[in-house]
Amino acid sequence: MTKDELKGYFDKGMVALKQALDKGGAASKEALDKAGKAATKFGDESILKIEIQQFKSQIKKDKSALGELACKAFLEDGAESLAASDENVAKILESIKKAEDDIKSREEKLQESAVKN
């Protein structure tokens, strides 16, 4: 084998190696992009689910506060009724309604995310 033939084989090998590395690099980049998008999606969905749980917890606290308010009004203050227009009752009901709306909003975002994928 001559020096020129050897150089020709070497050059062909280098071209093949470069093409393989280019393909491998492109495949790796694509895989990393997909993994990054999946991680972002998972993170976003996890945040929404955590927020939903926090709003549900807030609703439970508000309902407990409403119950305590009612017990105090009826048992300690001798009230015969409790109206939604009462300032304290209205604040609690407003908080519950807002939390329910926030839950609905987060659940819609989760559904939109599921539809996209």
N, C-alpha and C. Protein backbone atom coordinates (compact mmCIF):
# COMPACT_ATOMS: atom_id res chain seq x y z
N MET A 1 0.86 -1.16 0.00
CA MET A 1 0.00 0.00 0.00
C MET A 1 0.91 1.23 0.00
N THR A 2 0.54 2.15 -0.87
CA THR A 2 1.37 3.34 -1.00
C THR A 2 0.95 4.37 0.03
N LYS A 3 1.81 5.33 0.17
CA LYS A 3 1.56 6.42 1.09
C LYS A 3 0.30 7.17 0.70
N ASP A 4 0.05 7.39 -0.57
CA ASP A 4 -1.14 8.10 -1.05
C ASP A 4 -2.41 7.29 -0.79
N GLU A 5 -2.33 5.95 -0.98
CA GLU A 5 -3.51 5.09 -0.72
C GLU A 5 -3.84 5.11 0.77
N LEU A 6 -2.82 5.04 1.58
CA LEU A 6 -3.02 5.08 3.02
C LEU A 6 -3.63 6.41 3.44
N LYS A 7 -3.16 7.48 2.87
CA LYS A 7 -3.71 8.80 3.17
C LYS A 7 -5.17 8.86 2.72
N GLY A 8 -5.49 8.26 1.57
CA GLY A 8 -6.87 8.24 1.07
C GLY A 8 -7.79 7.50 2.03
N TYR A 9 -7.35 6.33 2.50
CA TYR A 9 -8.15 5.58 3.48
C TYR A 9 -8.33 6.37 4.77
N PHE A 10 -7.28 6.98 5.20
CA PHE A 10 -7.33 7.79 6.41
C PHE A 10 -8.31 8.94 6.25
N ASP A 11 -8.25 9.63 5.12
CA ASP A 11 -9.15 10.75 4.85
C ASP A 11 -10.61 10.29 4.83
N LYS A 12 -10.86 9.14 4.17
CA LYS A 12 -12.23 8.58 4.12
C LYS A 12 -12.70 8.24 5.54
N GLY A 13 -11.80 7.68 6.32
CA GLY A 13 -12.14 7.33 7.70
C GLY A 13 -12.46 8.56 8.53
N MET A 14 -11.71 9.60 8.32
CA MET A 14 -11.94 10.85 9.06
C MET A 14 -13.28 11.47 8.67
N VAL A 15 -13.61 11.42 7.38
CA VAL A 15 -14.90 11.94 6.92
C VAL A 15 -16.03 11.13 7.54
N ALA A 16 -15.90 9.81 7.53
CA ALA A 16 -16.93 8.94 8.11
C ALA A 16 -17.07 9.19 9.61
N LEU A 17 -15.95 9.35 10.30
CA LEU A 17 -15.97 9.63 11.73
C LEU A 17 -16.65 10.97 12.02
N LYS A 18 -16.32 11.99 11.23
CA LYS A 18 -16.93 13.31 11.41
C LYS A 18 -18.44 13.23 11.20
N GLN A 19 -18.88 12.50 10.16
CA GLN A 19 -20.31 12.37 9.89
C GLN A 19 -21.00 11.64 11.05
N ALA A 20 -20.36 10.60 11.55
CA ALA A 20 -20.95 9.86 12.66
C ALA A 20 -21.06 10.74 13.91
N LEU A 21 -20.02 11.49 14.17
CA LEU A 21 -20.05 12.40 15.33
C LEU A 21 -21.11 13.48 15.16
N ASP A 22 -21.24 14.00 13.94
CA ASP A 22 -22.26 15.02 13.68
C ASP A 22 -23.65 14.45 13.93
N LYS A 23 -23.88 13.23 13.42
CA LYS A 23 -25.19 12.58 13.63
C LYS A 23 -25.42 12.31 15.11
N GLY A 24 -24.39 11.82 15.78
CA GLY A 24 -24.50 11.56 17.21
C GLY A 24 -24.75 12.83 18.00
N GLY A 25 -24.07 13.89 17.62
CA GLY A 25 -24.27 15.18 18.29
C GLY A 25 -25.67 15.69 18.10
N ALA A 26 -26.19 15.57 16.88
CA ALA A 26 -27.55 16.03 16.60
C ALA A 26 -28.56 15.20 17.39
N ALA A 27 -28.33 13.89 17.43
CA ALA A 27 -29.25 13.01 18.18
C ALA A 27 -29.20 13.33 19.67
N SER A 28 -27.99 13.58 20.18
CA SER A 28 -27.85 13.93 21.60
C SER A 28 -28.54 15.25 21.90
N LYS A 29 -28.37 16.23 21.02
CA LYS A 29 -29.01 17.52 21.23
C LYS A 29 -30.52 17.37 21.23
N GLU A 30 -31.04 16.58 20.29
CA GLU A 30 -32.48 16.37 20.22
C GLU A 30 -32.98 15.67 21.48
N ALA A 31 -32.24 14.66 21.94
CA ALA A 31 -32.64 13.94 23.15
C ALA A 31 -32.61 14.87 24.37
N LEU A 32 -31.58 15.70 24.45
CA LEU A 32 -31.50 16.64 25.57
C LEU A 32 -32.62 17.67 25.52
N ASP A 33 -32.96 18.13 24.32
CA ASP A 33 -34.07 19.07 24.18
C ASP A 33 -35.37 18.45 24.66
N LYS A 34 -35.61 17.19 24.24
CA LYS A 34 -36.83 16.49 24.65
C LYS A 34 -36.86 16.29 26.16
N ALA A 35 -35.72 15.90 26.72
CA ALA A 35 -35.64 15.68 28.16
C ALA A 35 -35.88 17.00 28.91
N GLY A 36 -35.32 18.08 28.40
CA GLY A 36 -35.52 19.38 29.03
C GLY A 36 -36.97 19.81 29.00
N LYS A 37 -37.62 19.60 27.87
CA LYS A 37 -39.04 19.95 27.76
C LYS A 37 -39.89 19.10 28.70
N ALA A 38 -39.56 17.81 28.78
CA ALA A 38 -40.31 16.92 29.67
C ALA A 38 -40.13 17.33 31.13
N ALA A 39 -38.91 17.69 31.50
CA ALA A 39 -38.64 18.12 32.87
C ALA A 39 -39.39 19.42 33.19
N THR A 40 -39.40 20.34 32.25
CA THR A 40 -40.12 21.60 32.44
C THR A 40 -41.61 21.34 32.59
N LYS A 41 -42.15 20.49 31.73
CA LYS A 41 -43.58 20.15 31.78
C LYS A 41 -43.91 19.52 33.12
N PHE A 42 -43.08 18.57 33.56
CA PHE A 42 -43.29 17.91 34.84
C PHE A 42 -43.26 18.93 35.97
N GLY A 43 -42.28 19.82 35.92
CA GLY A 43 -42.16 20.84 36.96
C GLY A 43 -43.36 21.77 36.99
N ASP A 44 -43.79 22.21 35.82
CA ASP A 44 -44.95 23.10 35.74
C ASP A 44 -46.21 22.42 36.27
N GLU A 45 -46.40 21.16 35.88
CA GLU A 45 -47.58 20.42 36.34
C GLU A 45 -47.51 20.18 37.84
N SER A 46 -46.33 19.90 38.35
CA SER A 46 -46.17 19.68 39.79
C SER A 46 -46.52 20.94 40.56
N ILE A 47 -46.08 22.07 40.08
CA ILE A 47 -46.39 23.35 40.74
C ILE A 47 -47.89 23.57 40.76
N LEU A 48 -48.56 23.32 39.64
CA LEU A 48 -50.01 23.51 39.59
C LEU A 48 -50.72 22.58 40.57
N LYS A 49 -50.27 21.33 40.66
CA LYS A 49 -50.88 20.37 41.58
C LYS A 49 -50.66 20.78 43.03
N ILE A 50 -49.48 21.28 43.33
CA ILE A 50 -49.20 21.75 44.69
C ILE A 50 -50.09 22.95 45.03
N GLU A 51 -50.24 23.86 44.08
CA GLU A 51 -51.10 25.03 44.31
C GLU A 51 -52.54 24.60 44.54
N ILE A 52 -53.01 23.63 43.77
CA ILE A 52 -54.38 23.13 43.95
C ILE A 52 -54.56 22.60 45.36
N GLN A 53 -53.59 21.83 45.84
CA GLN A 53 -53.67 21.28 47.20
C GLN A 53 -53.66 22.40 48.25
N GLN A 54 -52.88 23.44 48.00
CA GLN A 54 -52.84 24.56 48.93
C GLN A 54 -54.20 25.27 48.98
N PHE A 55 -54.83 25.43 47.83
CA PHE A 55 -56.15 26.08 47.80
C PHE A 55 -57.19 25.20 48.49
N LYS A 56 -57.10 23.89 48.30
CA LYS A 56 -58.03 22.98 48.98
C LYS A 56 -57.84 23.05 50.49
N SER A 57 -56.61 23.15 50.91
CA SER A 57 -56.32 23.29 52.34
C SER A 57 -56.90 24.60 52.87
N GLN A 58 -56.76 25.67 52.08
CA GLN A 58 -57.31 26.96 52.49
C GLN A 58 -58.82 26.88 52.62
N ILE A 59 -59.48 26.18 51.71
CA ILE A 59 -60.94 26.03 51.79
C ILE A 59 -61.32 25.31 53.07
N LYS A 60 -60.59 24.26 53.43
CA LYS A 60 -60.88 23.53 54.68
C LYS A 60 -60.72 24.44 55.88
N LYS A 61 -59.67 25.26 55.88
CA LYS A 61 -59.46 26.19 56.99
C LYS A 61 -60.60 27.20 57.06
N ASP A 62 -61.00 27.71 55.89
CA ASP A 62 -62.09 28.69 55.86
C ASP A 62 -63.40 28.08 56.34
N LYS A 63 -63.67 26.87 55.93
CA LYS A 63 -64.91 26.21 56.37
C LYS A 63 -64.88 25.96 57.87
N SER A 64 -63.71 25.61 58.39
CA SER A 64 -63.57 25.43 59.83
C SER A 64 -63.80 26.75 60.56
N ALA A 65 -63.25 27.82 60.03
CA ALA A 65 -63.44 29.15 60.63
C ALA A 65 -64.91 29.55 60.58
N LEU A 66 -65.58 29.21 59.49
CA LEU A 66 -67.00 29.53 59.36
C LEU A 66 -67.80 28.74 60.40
N GLY A 67 -67.44 27.49 60.59
CA GLY A 67 -68.11 26.68 61.60
C GLY A 67 -67.90 27.22 63.01
N GLU A 68 -66.68 27.64 63.30
CA GLU A 68 -66.39 28.22 64.61
C GLU A 68 -67.16 29.52 64.81
N LEU A 69 -67.24 30.30 63.76
CA LEU A 69 -67.99 31.55 63.83
C LEU A 69 -69.47 31.27 64.11
N ALA A 70 -70.00 30.27 63.43
CA ALA A 70 -71.41 29.92 63.63
C ALA A 70 -71.64 29.39 65.05
N CYS A 71 -70.76 28.53 65.52
CA CYS A 71 -70.91 27.99 66.88
C CYS A 71 -70.88 29.10 67.92
N LYS A 72 -69.94 30.01 67.75
CA LYS A 72 -69.84 31.12 68.69
C LYS A 72 -71.11 31.97 68.66
N ALA A 73 -71.57 32.25 67.43
CA ALA A 73 -72.77 33.08 67.30
C ALA A 73 -73.98 32.41 67.95
N PHE A 74 -74.14 31.13 67.71
CA PHE A 74 -75.33 30.44 68.22
C PHE A 74 -75.21 30.07 69.69
N LEU A 75 -74.08 29.54 70.10
CA LEU A 75 -73.94 29.04 71.46
C LEU A 75 -73.55 30.12 72.46
N GLU A 76 -72.63 30.97 72.10
CA GLU A 76 -72.15 31.96 73.06
C GLU A 76 -72.93 33.27 73.00
N ASP A 77 -73.27 33.68 71.78
CA ASP A 77 -73.94 34.98 71.64
C ASP A 77 -75.45 34.86 71.60
N GLY A 78 -75.97 33.64 71.52
CA GLY A 78 -77.41 33.43 71.51
C GLY A 78 -78.09 33.86 70.22
N ALA A 79 -77.34 33.95 69.13
CA ALA A 79 -77.93 34.35 67.85
C ALA A 79 -78.86 33.25 67.35
N GLU A 80 -79.90 33.65 66.63
CA GLU A 80 -80.84 32.67 66.09
C GLU A 80 -80.57 32.38 64.63
N SER A 81 -79.77 33.23 63.98
CA SER A 81 -79.42 32.99 62.58
C SER A 81 -78.09 33.67 62.28
N LEU A 82 -77.57 33.28 61.16
CA LEU A 82 -76.31 33.85 60.70
C LEU A 82 -76.49 34.15 59.22
N ALA A 83 -76.22 35.37 58.82
CA ALA A 83 -76.48 35.79 57.43
C ALA A 83 -75.18 35.88 56.64
N ALA A 84 -75.30 35.57 55.35
CA ALA A 84 -74.15 35.68 54.45
C ALA A 84 -73.69 37.13 54.33
N SER A 85 -74.56 38.05 54.64
CA SER A 85 -74.21 39.46 54.56
C SER A 85 -73.42 39.94 55.78
N ASP A 86 -73.37 39.12 56.83
CA ASP A 86 -72.55 39.46 58.00
C ASP A 86 -71.11 39.64 57.53
N GLU A 87 -70.45 40.69 57.99
CA GLU A 87 -69.10 41.05 57.52
C GLU A 87 -68.12 39.88 57.63
N ASN A 88 -68.09 39.24 58.78
CA ASN A 88 -67.14 38.13 58.99
C ASN A 88 -67.48 36.92 58.13
N VAL A 89 -68.76 36.64 58.02
CA VAL A 89 -69.21 35.51 57.18
C VAL A 89 -68.90 35.80 55.72
N ALA A 90 -69.16 37.02 55.30
CA ALA A 90 -68.93 37.40 53.90
C ALA A 90 -67.45 37.27 53.53
N LYS A 91 -66.55 37.66 54.44
CA LYS A 91 -65.12 37.55 54.17
C LYS A 91 -64.71 36.09 53.97
N ILE A 92 -65.23 35.23 54.82
CA ILE A 92 -64.88 33.81 54.72
C ILE A 92 -65.46 33.22 53.44
N LEU A 93 -66.70 33.53 53.14
CA LEU A 93 -67.31 33.02 51.91
C LEU A 93 -66.57 33.51 50.67
N GLU A 94 -66.14 34.76 50.70
CA GLU A 94 -65.38 35.32 49.58
C GLU A 94 -64.05 34.58 49.41
N SER A 95 -63.41 34.28 50.51
CA SER A 95 -62.14 33.54 50.46
C SER A 95 -62.35 32.14 49.89
N ILE A 96 -63.42 31.49 50.28
CA ILE A 96 -63.73 30.14 49.76
C ILE A 96 -63.99 30.22 48.26
N LYS A 97 -64.77 31.18 47.84
CA LYS A 97 -65.09 31.33 46.42
C LYS A 97 -63.83 31.60 45.59
N LYS A 98 -62.96 32.46 46.11
CA LYS A 98 -61.71 32.77 45.39
C LYS A 98 -60.84 31.52 45.27
N ALA A 99 -60.72 30.76 46.34
CA ALA A 99 -59.92 29.54 46.30
C ALA A 99 -60.51 28.53 45.30
N GLU A 100 -61.84 28.42 45.27
CA GLU A 100 -62.49 27.52 44.31
C GLU A 100 -62.21 27.97 42.88
N ASP A 101 -62.26 29.27 42.64
CA ASP A 101 -61.95 29.79 41.30
C ASP A 101 -60.49 29.53 40.92
N ASP A 102 -59.61 29.69 41.90
CA ASP A 102 -58.19 29.43 41.65
C ASP A 102 -57.95 27.95 41.34
N ILE A 103 -58.64 27.07 42.03
CA ILE A 103 -58.52 25.64 41.76
C ILE A 103 -58.99 25.34 40.34
N LYS A 104 -60.12 25.90 39.98
CA LYS A 104 -60.66 25.67 38.64
C LYS A 104 -59.68 26.14 37.57
N SER A 105 -59.09 27.30 37.79
CA SER A 105 -58.12 27.86 36.85
C SER A 105 -56.92 26.92 36.70
N ARG A 106 -56.38 26.42 37.82
CA ARG A 106 -55.21 25.53 37.76
C ARG A 106 -55.57 24.20 37.10
N GLU A 107 -56.76 23.69 37.37
CA GLU A 107 -57.18 22.43 36.75
C GLU A 107 -57.33 22.59 35.24
N GLU A 108 -57.82 23.74 34.80
CA GLU A 108 -57.92 24.01 33.36
C GLU A 108 -56.53 24.04 32.72
N LYS A 109 -55.57 24.65 33.41
CA LYS A 109 -54.20 24.68 32.89
C LYS A 109 -53.61 23.28 32.79
N LEU A 110 -53.91 22.44 33.78
CA LEU A 110 -53.44 21.05 33.73
C LEU A 110 -54.05 20.31 32.54
N GLN A 111 -55.34 20.53 32.30
CA GLN A 111 -56.00 19.88 31.16
C GLN A 111 -55.42 20.37 29.85
N GLU A 112 -55.16 21.66 29.73
CA GLU A 112 -54.57 22.20 28.52
C GLU A 112 -53.19 21.59 28.28
N SER A 113 -52.45 21.43 29.34
CA SER A 113 -51.12 20.83 29.25
C SER A 113 -51.20 19.38 28.79
N ALA A 114 -52.20 18.65 29.30
CA ALA A 114 -52.38 17.25 28.92
C ALA A 114 -52.80 17.14 27.46
N VAL A 115 -53.60 18.06 26.97
CA VAL A 115 -54.07 18.03 25.58
C VAL A 115 -52.91 18.32 24.62
N LYS A 116 -52.02 19.23 25.02
CA LYS A 116 -50.88 19.59 24.17
C LYS A 116 -49.94 18.41 23.97
N ASN A 117 -49.89 17.53 24.94
CA ASN A 117 -48.95 16.42 24.86
C ASN A 117 -49.72 15.19 24.65
